[in-house]
Amino acid sequence: MSVDLIFKIGAIGILVAVLNQVLIRSGREEQAMMVTIAGIVVVLMMVVNLINDLFNSVKTIFQLY
């Protein structure tokens, strides 16, 4: 796992937080909620991809084809 992934997740979090605040201040709470959900989905997809790589590595290490 590289440090780049942590920075990417942090950058997504900061971007989502800023967009969320801007949209809430302008009275668009529904769009703010959608931006938050989209940010969560993007980060979860990144994490799921890492978990998939982990399971593939475990299969390879223990030769569980």
Protein backbone atom coordinates (compact mmCIF):
# COMPACT_ATOMS: atom_id res chain seq x y z
CA MET A 1 0.00 0.00 0.00
CA SER A 2 1.47 3.30 -0.99
CA VAL A 3 1.13 6.67 0.66
CA ASP A 4 -0.33 8.04 -2.57
CA LEU A 5 -3.60 6.26 -1.87
CA ILE A 6 -3.90 7.94 1.53
CA PHE A 7 -3.29 11.32 -0.08
CA LYS A 8 -5.89 10.60 -2.76
CA ILE A 9 -8.50 9.68 -0.16
CA GLY A 10 -7.63 12.79 1.85
CA ALA A 11 -7.89 14.99 -1.24
CA ILE A 12 -11.28 13.52 -2.10
CA GLY A 13 -12.42 14.14 1.47
CA ILE A 14 -11.29 17.77 1.42
CA LEU A 15 -12.87 18.37 -1.99
CA VAL A 16 -16.17 16.82 -0.90
CA ALA A 17 -16.17 18.84 2.33
CA VAL A 18 -15.59 22.12 0.49
CA LEU A 19 -18.22 21.39 -2.15
CA ASN A 20 -20.63 20.30 0.54
CA GLN A 21 -20.22 23.56 2.46
CA VAL A 22 -20.54 25.69 -0.67
CA LEU A 23 -23.72 23.91 -1.73
CA ILE A 24 -25.26 24.08 1.74
CA ARG A 25 -24.51 27.81 2.00
CA SER A 26 -26.19 28.40 -1.36
CA GLY A 27 -29.30 26.53 -0.24
CA ARG A 28 -28.84 23.36 -2.27
CA GLU A 29 -28.91 20.71 0.42
CA GLU A 30 -30.00 17.93 -1.95
CA GLN A 31 -27.02 18.44 -4.25
CA ALA A 32 -24.73 18.61 -1.21
CA MET A 33 -26.01 15.22 -0.07
CA MET A 34 -25.46 13.78 -3.55
CA VAL A 35 -21.87 15.09 -3.63
CA THR A 36 -21.24 13.50 -0.24
CA ILE A 37 -22.67 10.16 -1.35
CA ALA A 38 -20.65 10.28 -4.59
CA GLY A 39 -17.46 10.93 -2.61
CA ILE A 40 -18.17 8.01 -0.31
CA VAL A 41 -18.83 5.72 -3.27
CA VAL A 42 -15.56 6.72 -4.97
CA VAL A 43 -13.54 6.07 -1.83
CA LEU A 44 -15.31 2.77 -1.19
CA MET A 45 -14.53 1.62 -4.74
CA MET A 46 -10.86 2.39 -4.14
CA VAL A 47 -10.90 0.42 -0.88
CA VAL A 48 -12.77 -2.52 -2.43
CA ASN A 49 -10.14 -2.69 -5.15
CA LEU A 50 -7.42 -2.89 -2.49
CA ILE A 51 -9.27 -5.61 -0.60
CA ASN A 52 -9.57 -7.57 -3.84
CA ASP A 53 -5.81 -7.29 -4.34
CA LEU A 54 -5.27 -8.46 -0.77
CA PHE A 55 -7.41 -11.56 -1.26
CA ASN A 56 -5.65 -12.37 -4.52
CA SER A 57 -2.29 -12.07 -2.75
CA VAL A 58 -3.46 -14.37 0.06
CA LYS A 59 -4.68 -16.91 -2.52
CA THR A 60 -1.34 -16.80 -4.27
CA ILE A 61 0.70 -17.07 -1.08
CA PHE A 62 -1.21 -20.09 0.23
CA GLN A 63 -1.77 -21.56 -3.25
CA LEU A 64 -5.55 -21.64 -2.89
CA TYR A 65 -6.55 -21.74 -6.53
